[in-house]
Amino acid sequence: MTIQENWALPMARIEEYLRSLDCARRIAERHYEVGGCTLHLQPAENSKFGRYTFCRTMVSFSGEEGAVRAFHRQFVLRFLTLGG
């Protein structure tokens, strides 16, 4: 199963979060594995809202369906708000 989403978060912030998890391991540049879910981070074009610019990152979650759904839920809850 694969879920691909475009997040209004800088890649560095996502990587900081992943490095903080005991269960996550970096398997390659911009690639992480968390409990059977593989994440691939890719910079996306920044978005503008008026005079504000937001960094964007394309995040792909892939692997066995149960692992992907479990970590995707954890990720969404962590970054549900920009304050995440």
N, C-alpha and C. Protein backbone atom coordinates (compact mmCIF):
# COMPACT_ATOMS: atom_id res chain seq x y z
N MET A 1 0.85 -1.17 0.00
CA MET A 1 0.00 0.00 0.00
C MET A 1 0.89 1.23 0.00
N THR A 2 0.46 2.26 -0.71
CA THR A 2 1.20 3.53 -0.73
C THR A 2 0.23 4.69 -0.54
N ILE A 3 0.62 5.62 0.31
CA ILE A 3 -0.10 6.88 0.49
C ILE A 3 0.90 7.99 0.19
N GLN A 4 0.53 8.91 -0.69
CA GLN A 4 1.43 10.02 -1.03
C GLN A 4 0.68 11.31 -0.76
N GLU A 5 1.33 12.19 0.05
CA GLU A 5 0.69 13.45 0.43
C GLU A 5 1.69 14.60 0.35
N ASN A 6 1.15 15.77 0.05
CA ASN A 6 1.93 16.99 -0.01
C ASN A 6 1.66 17.78 1.27
N TRP A 7 2.67 17.90 2.12
CA TRP A 7 2.53 18.55 3.42
C TRP A 7 3.16 19.95 3.42
N ALA A 8 2.53 20.88 4.10
CA ALA A 8 3.06 22.24 4.25
C ALA A 8 4.01 22.28 5.44
N LEU A 9 5.05 21.48 5.32
CA LEU A 9 6.07 21.39 6.36
C LEU A 9 7.44 21.33 5.70
N PRO A 10 8.44 21.97 6.30
CA PRO A 10 9.79 21.82 5.78
C PRO A 10 10.30 20.40 6.01
N MET A 11 11.05 19.89 5.08
CA MET A 11 11.58 18.54 5.19
C MET A 11 12.40 18.38 6.46
N ALA A 12 13.15 19.40 6.83
CA ALA A 12 14.00 19.32 8.03
C ALA A 12 13.16 19.06 9.28
N ARG A 13 11.98 19.63 9.35
CA ARG A 13 11.12 19.42 10.52
C ARG A 13 10.61 17.98 10.58
N ILE A 14 10.27 17.43 9.43
CA ILE A 14 9.82 16.04 9.39
C ILE A 14 10.97 15.11 9.77
N GLU A 15 12.16 15.37 9.23
CA GLU A 15 13.31 14.53 9.56
C GLU A 15 13.68 14.63 11.04
N GLU A 16 13.55 15.82 11.61
CA GLU A 16 13.80 15.99 13.05
C GLU A 16 12.85 15.11 13.86
N TYR A 17 11.58 15.11 13.46
CA TYR A 17 10.60 14.26 14.14
C TYR A 17 10.96 12.78 14.00
N LEU A 18 11.30 12.36 12.80
CA LEU A 18 11.63 10.94 12.57
C LEU A 18 12.87 10.54 13.37
N ARG A 19 13.87 11.41 13.45
CA ARG A 19 15.07 11.10 14.23
C ARG A 19 14.76 11.01 15.73
N SER A 20 13.70 11.65 16.17
CA SER A 20 13.33 11.63 17.59
C SER A 20 12.64 10.32 17.98
N LEU A 21 12.21 9.55 17.02
CA LEU A 21 11.50 8.30 17.30
C LEU A 21 12.49 7.16 17.48
N ASP A 22 12.36 6.43 18.57
CA ASP A 22 13.23 5.28 18.81
C ASP A 22 13.03 4.19 17.76
N CYS A 23 11.81 4.10 17.23
CA CYS A 23 11.49 3.02 16.30
C CYS A 23 11.81 3.35 14.84
N ALA A 24 12.27 4.55 14.56
CA ALA A 24 12.58 4.95 13.18
C ALA A 24 14.06 4.78 12.89
N ARG A 25 14.35 4.38 11.65
CA ARG A 25 15.75 4.32 11.26
C ARG A 25 15.89 4.89 9.85
N ARG A 26 16.96 5.60 9.63
CA ARG A 26 17.26 6.17 8.32
C ARG A 26 17.89 5.07 7.47
N ILE A 27 17.30 4.80 6.30
CA ILE A 27 17.83 3.74 5.45
C ILE A 27 18.56 4.30 4.23
N ALA A 28 18.35 5.55 3.93
CA ALA A 28 19.03 6.25 2.84
C ALA A 28 18.69 7.73 2.98
N GLU A 29 19.32 8.54 2.17
CA GLU A 29 19.01 9.97 2.22
C GLU A 29 17.53 10.18 1.90
N ARG A 30 16.82 10.83 2.82
CA ARG A 30 15.39 11.14 2.70
C ARG A 30 14.49 9.90 2.70
N HIS A 31 15.02 8.77 3.17
CA HIS A 31 14.25 7.53 3.29
C HIS A 31 14.37 7.00 4.72
N TYR A 32 13.23 6.68 5.31
CA TYR A 32 13.18 6.18 6.68
C TYR A 32 12.28 4.97 6.74
N GLU A 33 12.50 4.13 7.74
CA GLU A 33 11.66 2.97 7.98
C GLU A 33 11.17 3.04 9.43
N VAL A 34 9.86 2.91 9.59
CA VAL A 34 9.24 2.96 10.91
C VAL A 34 8.26 1.80 11.01
N GLY A 35 8.63 0.78 11.76
CA GLY A 35 7.72 -0.34 12.01
C GLY A 35 7.11 -0.95 10.77
N GLY A 36 7.88 -1.16 9.72
CA GLY A 36 7.36 -1.76 8.51
C GLY A 36 6.81 -0.78 7.50
N CYS A 37 6.79 0.49 7.83
CA CYS A 37 6.35 1.54 6.91
C CYS A 37 7.60 2.29 6.43
N THR A 38 7.76 2.39 5.12
CA THR A 38 8.88 3.13 4.56
C THR A 38 8.40 4.51 4.14
N LEU A 39 9.15 5.53 4.54
CA LEU A 39 8.82 6.91 4.17
C LEU A 39 9.87 7.43 3.21
N HIS A 40 9.41 8.14 2.21
CA HIS A 40 10.30 8.83 1.28
C HIS A 40 9.90 10.30 1.30
N LEU A 41 10.85 11.17 1.56
CA LEU A 41 10.60 12.60 1.60
C LEU A 41 11.20 13.25 0.36
N GLN A 42 10.42 14.14 -0.24
CA GLN A 42 10.88 14.82 -1.44
C GLN A 42 10.45 16.28 -1.36
N PRO A 43 11.38 17.21 -1.61
CA PRO A 43 10.99 18.61 -1.58
C PRO A 43 9.95 18.89 -2.67
N ALA A 44 8.98 19.71 -2.34
CA ALA A 44 7.95 20.11 -3.31
C ALA A 44 8.00 21.63 -3.45
N GLU A 45 7.36 22.12 -4.46
CA GLU A 45 7.36 23.56 -4.71
C GLU A 45 6.67 24.29 -3.55
N ASN A 46 7.30 25.35 -3.07
CA ASN A 46 6.71 26.14 -1.99
C ASN A 46 5.37 26.70 -2.43
N SER A 47 4.49 26.92 -1.46
CA SER A 47 3.20 27.54 -1.77
C SER A 47 3.17 28.93 -1.14
N LYS A 48 2.40 29.81 -1.77
CA LYS A 48 2.28 31.19 -1.28
C LYS A 48 0.83 31.46 -0.93
N PHE A 49 0.66 32.17 0.15
CA PHE A 49 -0.65 32.63 0.58
C PHE A 49 -0.46 34.09 0.95
N GLY A 50 -0.87 34.97 0.05
CA GLY A 50 -0.60 36.39 0.26
C GLY A 50 0.90 36.63 0.28
N ARG A 51 1.37 37.25 1.32
CA ARG A 51 2.81 37.51 1.41
C ARG A 51 3.57 36.39 2.14
N TYR A 52 2.86 35.35 2.53
CA TYR A 52 3.48 34.25 3.26
C TYR A 52 3.86 33.11 2.30
N THR A 53 5.01 32.52 2.54
CA THR A 53 5.47 31.38 1.77
C THR A 53 5.61 30.19 2.70
N PHE A 54 5.11 29.04 2.26
CA PHE A 54 5.15 27.82 3.06
C PHE A 54 6.00 26.78 2.33
N CYS A 55 6.97 26.22 3.07
CA CYS A 55 7.75 25.11 2.54
C CYS A 55 6.83 23.91 2.42
N ARG A 56 7.05 23.11 1.39
CA ARG A 56 6.22 21.93 1.19
C ARG A 56 7.11 20.71 0.99
N THR A 57 6.61 19.57 1.46
CA THR A 57 7.33 18.32 1.31
C THR A 57 6.35 17.23 0.89
N MET A 58 6.72 16.50 -0.15
CA MET A 58 5.93 15.35 -0.59
C MET A 58 6.38 14.17 0.27
N VAL A 59 5.44 13.54 0.95
CA VAL A 59 5.74 12.41 1.83
C VAL A 59 5.03 11.18 1.28
N SER A 60 5.80 10.13 1.01
CA SER A 60 5.24 8.86 0.56
C SER A 60 5.41 7.83 1.67
N PHE A 61 4.30 7.20 2.03
CA PHE A 61 4.29 6.12 3.02
C PHE A 61 4.03 4.84 2.24
N SER A 62 4.87 3.83 2.37
CA SER A 62 4.62 2.59 1.63
C SER A 62 5.00 1.39 2.48
N GLY A 63 4.39 0.26 2.13
CA GLY A 63 4.65 -0.98 2.84
C GLY A 63 3.37 -1.77 3.03
N GLU A 64 3.39 -2.69 3.99
CA GLU A 64 2.22 -3.51 4.30
C GLU A 64 1.12 -2.59 4.83
N GLU A 65 -0.10 -2.84 4.42
CA GLU A 65 -1.22 -1.95 4.71
C GLU A 65 -1.35 -1.60 6.20
N GLY A 66 -1.28 -2.57 7.09
CA GLY A 66 -1.43 -2.30 8.51
C GLY A 66 -0.34 -1.37 9.04
N ALA A 67 0.90 -1.59 8.60
CA ALA A 67 2.02 -0.74 9.04
C ALA A 67 1.87 0.67 8.50
N VAL A 68 1.47 0.78 7.24
CA VAL A 68 1.30 2.11 6.62
C VAL A 68 0.19 2.88 7.32
N ARG A 69 -0.93 2.24 7.50
CA ARG A 69 -2.06 2.93 8.15
C ARG A 69 -1.72 3.35 9.58
N ALA A 70 -1.03 2.49 10.32
CA ALA A 70 -0.68 2.81 11.71
C ALA A 70 0.27 4.00 11.78
N PHE A 71 1.34 3.99 10.98
CA PHE A 71 2.27 5.11 11.09
C PHE A 71 1.71 6.37 10.44
N HIS A 72 0.93 6.24 9.38
CA HIS A 72 0.32 7.41 8.76
C HIS A 72 -0.57 8.12 9.78
N ARG A 73 -1.33 7.36 10.54
CA ARG A 73 -2.20 7.97 11.57
C ARG A 73 -1.36 8.70 12.61
N GLN A 74 -0.29 8.08 13.05
CA GLN A 74 0.60 8.71 14.03
C GLN A 74 1.19 10.01 13.46
N PHE A 75 1.61 9.97 12.21
CA PHE A 75 2.20 11.13 11.54
C PHE A 75 1.18 12.27 11.43
N VAL A 76 -0.02 11.93 10.97
CA VAL A 76 -1.08 12.94 10.83
C VAL A 76 -1.41 13.57 12.18
N LEU A 77 -1.53 12.77 13.22
CA LEU A 77 -1.83 13.33 14.53
C LEU A 77 -0.71 14.24 15.01
N ARG A 78 0.52 13.91 14.69
CA ARG A 78 1.67 14.73 15.10
C ARG A 78 1.66 16.07 14.40
N PHE A 79 1.32 16.08 13.11
CA PHE A 79 1.40 17.30 12.31
C PHE A 79 0.04 17.83 11.87
N LEU A 80 -1.00 17.47 12.58
CA LEU A 80 -2.36 17.89 12.22
C LEU A 80 -2.49 19.40 12.15
N THR A 81 -1.81 20.09 13.04
CA THR A 81 -1.83 21.54 12.99
C THR A 81 -0.42 22.02 12.64
N LEU A 82 -0.30 23.23 12.13
CA LEU A 82 1.02 23.76 11.82
C LEU A 82 1.88 23.88 13.07
N GLY A 83 1.25 23.95 14.23
CA GLY A 83 2.00 24.02 15.47
C GLY A 83 2.62 22.70 15.87
N GLY A 84 2.17 21.57 15.24
CA GLY A 84 2.59 20.22 15.54
C GLY A 84 3.94 20.15 16.06
